């Protein structure tokens, strides 16, 4: 991802992305709007429930976005499940968005990948 877009995510969502200074966005710019929407939703959920979420890595794997995160402390199962569902929703959306240009698309499967 373009460094300016990474910096914008870090600046606008420091609670999620402020823990790690090195690059950890291993995807193309087309998913930037998707990442902003996911980041906003996670930040709101975290603030409403008093949770500290920290994102380790965002990458493309097998044509879809993978979003790796952790949280401080021990969460009740319902909160863990809610976080998982939020992230899963956006990972699934990435199947229908071109990673490069951000336009609607379909997942291309070629030679088993």
C-alpha atoms as a PDB file:
ATOM      1  CA  UNK A   1       0.000   0.000   0.000  1.00  0.00           C
ATOM      2  CA  UNK A   2       1.152   3.497  -0.740  1.00  0.00           C
ATOM      3  CA  UNK A   3       3.014   4.966   2.229  1.00  0.00           C
ATOM      4  CA  UNK A   4       0.791   8.079   2.291  1.00  0.00           C
ATOM      5  CA  UNK A   5      -2.301   5.884   2.661  1.00  0.00           C
ATOM      6  CA  UNK A   6      -0.636   3.876   5.430  1.00  0.00           C
ATOM      7  CA  UNK A   7       0.252   7.100   7.225  1.00  0.00           C
ATOM      8  CA  UNK A   8      -3.335   8.336   6.893  1.00  0.00           C
ATOM      9  CA  UNK A   9      -4.627   5.154   8.545  1.00  0.00           C
ATOM     10  CA  UNK A  10      -2.068   5.492  11.341  1.00  0.00           C
ATOM     11  CA  UNK A  11      -2.930   9.157  11.827  1.00  0.00           C
ATOM     12  CA  UNK A  12      -6.713   8.710  11.772  1.00  0.00           C
ATOM     13  CA  UNK A  13      -6.839   5.466  13.796  1.00  0.00           C
ATOM     14  CA  UNK A  14      -3.862   5.583  16.177  1.00  0.00           C
ATOM     15  CA  UNK A  15      -5.542   3.286  18.697  1.00  0.00           C
ATOM     16  CA  UNK A  16      -5.576   0.505  16.086  1.00  0.00           C
ATOM     17  CA  UNK A  17      -2.344   1.132  14.198  1.00  0.00           C
ATOM     18  CA  UNK A  18      -0.144   3.145  16.555  1.00  0.00           C
ATOM     19  CA  UNK A  19       1.579   0.201  18.253  1.00  0.00           C
ATOM     20  CA  UNK A  20       3.763  -0.719  15.303  1.00  0.00           C
ATOM     21  CA  UNK A  21       5.883   1.764  13.405  1.00  0.00           C
ATOM     22  CA  UNK A  22       7.058  -0.535  10.624  1.00  0.00           C
ATOM     23  CA  UNK A  23       4.914  -1.188   7.574  1.00  0.00           C
ATOM     24  CA  UNK A  24       2.345  -3.868   8.088  1.00  0.00           C
ATOM     25  CA  UNK A  25      -0.060  -3.201   5.217  1.00  0.00           C
ATOM     26  CA  UNK A  26       0.747  -5.798   2.565  1.00  0.00           C
ATOM     27  CA  UNK A  27      -2.030  -5.094   0.090  1.00  0.00           C
ATOM     28  CA  UNK A  28      -2.692  -2.709  -2.783  1.00  0.00           C
ATOM     29  CA  UNK A  29      -4.371   0.699  -2.683  1.00  0.00           C
ATOM     30  CA  UNK A  30      -7.752  -0.510  -3.976  1.00  0.00           C
ATOM     31  CA  UNK A  31      -8.671  -1.821  -0.534  1.00  0.00           C
ATOM     32  CA  UNK A  32      -7.902   1.473   1.202  1.00  0.00           C
ATOM     33  CA  UNK A  33     -11.584   2.588   1.379  1.00  0.00           C
ATOM     34  CA  UNK A  34     -12.496  -0.859   2.715  1.00  0.00           C
ATOM     35  CA  UNK A  35      -9.778  -0.573   5.383  1.00  0.00           C
ATOM     36  CA  UNK A  36     -10.965   2.897   6.395  1.00  0.00           C
ATOM     37  CA  UNK A  37     -14.537   1.643   6.813  1.00  0.00           C
ATOM     38  CA  UNK A  38     -13.377  -1.395   8.805  1.00  0.00           C
ATOM     39  CA  UNK A  39     -11.075   0.744  10.954  1.00  0.00           C
ATOM     40  CA  UNK A  40     -13.875   3.172  11.764  1.00  0.00           C
ATOM     41  CA  UNK A  41     -16.255   0.356  12.701  1.00  0.00           C
ATOM     42  CA  UNK A  42     -13.657  -1.340  14.911  1.00  0.00           C
ATOM     43  CA  UNK A  43     -12.681   1.900  16.604  1.00  0.00           C
ATOM     44  CA  UNK A  44     -16.310   2.716  17.427  1.00  0.00           C
ATOM     45  CA  UNK A  45     -16.902  -0.805  18.770  1.00  0.00           C
ATOM     46  CA  UNK A  46     -13.721  -0.643  20.851  1.00  0.00           C
ATOM     47  CA  UNK A  47     -14.623   2.748  22.324  1.00  0.00           C
ATOM     48  CA  UNK A  48     -18.176   1.658  23.150  1.00  0.00           C
ATOM     49  CA  UNK A  49     -16.940  -1.460  24.953  1.00  0.00           C
ATOM     50  CA  UNK A  50     -13.690  -0.190  26.476  1.00  0.00           C
ATOM     51  CA  UNK A  51     -11.494  -2.524  24.434  1.00  0.00           C
ATOM     52  CA  UNK A  52      -7.959  -1.803  23.220  1.00  0.00           C
ATOM     53  CA  UNK A  53      -7.466  -3.368  19.792  1.00  0.00           C
ATOM     54  CA  UNK A  54      -4.102  -3.424  18.048  1.00  0.00           C
ATOM     55  CA  UNK A  55      -3.635  -4.500  14.447  1.00  0.00           C
ATOM     56  CA  UNK A  56      -0.578  -6.595  13.618  1.00  0.00           C
ATOM     57  CA  UNK A  57      -0.848  -6.995   9.871  1.00  0.00           C
ATOM     58  CA  UNK A  58      -3.140  -6.483   6.881  1.00  0.00           C
ATOM     59  CA  UNK A  59      -2.414  -8.484   3.751  1.00  0.00           C
ATOM     60  CA  UNK A  60      -3.814 -10.225   0.722  1.00  0.00           C
ATOM     61  CA  UNK A  61      -3.899 -13.998   0.809  1.00  0.00           C
ATOM     62  CA  UNK A  62      -5.575 -16.179  -1.806  1.00  0.00           C
ATOM     63  CA  UNK A  63      -7.203 -13.060  -3.276  1.00  0.00           C
ATOM     64  CA  UNK A  64      -8.890 -11.809  -0.126  1.00  0.00           C
ATOM     65  CA  UNK A  65      -7.916  -9.452   2.660  1.00  0.00           C
ATOM     66  CA  UNK A  66      -6.581 -10.899   5.891  1.00  0.00           C
ATOM     67  CA  UNK A  67      -6.766  -8.653   8.946  1.00  0.00           C
ATOM     68  CA  UNK A  68      -4.721  -9.824  11.940  1.00  0.00           C
ATOM     69  CA  UNK A  69      -5.439  -8.121  15.261  1.00  0.00           C
ATOM     70  CA  UNK A  70      -5.225  -8.616  18.980  1.00  0.00           C
ATOM     71  CA  UNK A  71      -6.679  -6.976  22.071  1.00  0.00           C
ATOM     72  CA  UNK A  72      -5.635  -6.270  25.608  1.00  0.00           C
ATOM     73  CA  UNK A  73      -7.025  -8.312  28.458  1.00  0.00           C
ATOM     74  CA  UNK A  74      -9.627 -11.037  28.453  1.00  0.00           C
ATOM     75  CA  UNK A  75     -12.870 -10.490  26.574  1.00  0.00           C
ATOM     76  CA  UNK A  76     -16.201 -12.209  27.064  1.00  0.00           C
ATOM     77  CA  UNK A  77     -17.034 -14.660  24.289  1.00  0.00           C
ATOM     78  CA  UNK A  78     -19.769 -12.388  22.904  1.00  0.00           C
ATOM     79  CA  UNK A  79     -17.286  -9.535  22.414  1.00  0.00           C
ATOM     80  CA  UNK A  80     -14.708 -11.843  20.815  1.00  0.00           C
ATOM     81  CA  UNK A  81     -17.397 -13.134  18.490  1.00  0.00           C
ATOM     82  CA  UNK A  82     -18.589  -9.612  17.660  1.00  0.00           C
ATOM     83  CA  UNK A  83     -15.051  -8.526  16.731  1.00  0.00           C
ATOM     84  CA  UNK A  84     -14.587 -11.658  14.644  1.00  0.00           C
ATOM     85  CA  UNK A  85     -17.855 -10.968  12.800  1.00  0.00           C
ATOM     86  CA  UNK A  86     -16.921  -7.360  12.043  1.00  0.00           C
ATOM     87  CA  UNK A  87     -13.551  -8.377  10.605  1.00  0.00           C
ATOM     88  CA  UNK A  88     -15.018 -11.349   8.734  1.00  0.00           C
ATOM     89  CA  UNK A  89     -17.626  -9.103   7.091  1.00  0.00           C
ATOM     90  CA  UNK A  90     -14.937  -6.850   5.618  1.00  0.00           C
ATOM     91  CA  UNK A  91     -12.682  -9.741   4.653  1.00  0.00           C
ATOM     92  CA  UNK A  92     -15.631 -11.188   2.733  1.00  0.00           C
ATOM     93  CA  UNK A  93     -16.296  -7.827   1.083  1.00  0.00           C
ATOM     94  CA  UNK A  94     -12.721  -7.846  -0.194  1.00  0.00           C
ATOM     95  CA  UNK A  95     -13.655 -10.811  -2.426  1.00  0.00           C
ATOM     96  CA  UNK A  96     -15.797  -8.450  -4.486  1.00  0.00           C
ATOM     97  CA  UNK A  97     -13.461  -5.442  -4.612  1.00  0.00           C
ATOM     98  CA  UNK A  98     -10.396  -5.199  -6.835  1.00  0.00           C
ATOM     99  CA  UNK A  99      -7.324  -4.903  -4.642  1.00  0.00           C
ATOM    100  CA  UNK A 100      -5.583  -2.712  -7.225  1.00  0.00           C
ATOM    101  CA  UNK A 101      -8.237  -0.228  -8.360  1.00  0.00           C
ATOM    102  CA  UNK A 102     -11.027  -0.546  -5.775  1.00  0.00           C
ATOM    103  CA  UNK A 103     -13.759  -1.171  -8.348  1.00  0.00           C
ATOM    104  CA  UNK A 104     -16.286  -3.990  -7.978  1.00  0.00           C
ATOM    105  CA  UNK A 105     -14.942  -7.305  -9.174  1.00  0.00           C
ATOM    106  CA  UNK A 106     -14.933 -11.037  -8.659  1.00  0.00           C
ATOM    107  CA  UNK A 107     -12.400 -13.373  -7.158  1.00  0.00           C
ATOM    108  CA  UNK A 108     -10.203 -14.874  -9.883  1.00  0.00           C
ATOM    109  CA  UNK A 109      -9.188 -18.479  -9.318  1.00  0.00           C
ATOM    110  CA  UNK A 110      -6.462 -19.788 -11.615  1.00  0.00           C
ATOM    111  CA  UNK A 111      -4.475 -23.028 -11.294  1.00  0.00           C
ATOM    112  CA  UNK A 112      -5.951 -23.641  -7.841  1.00  0.00           C
ATOM    113  CA  UNK A 113      -4.987 -20.185  -6.543  1.00  0.00           C
END
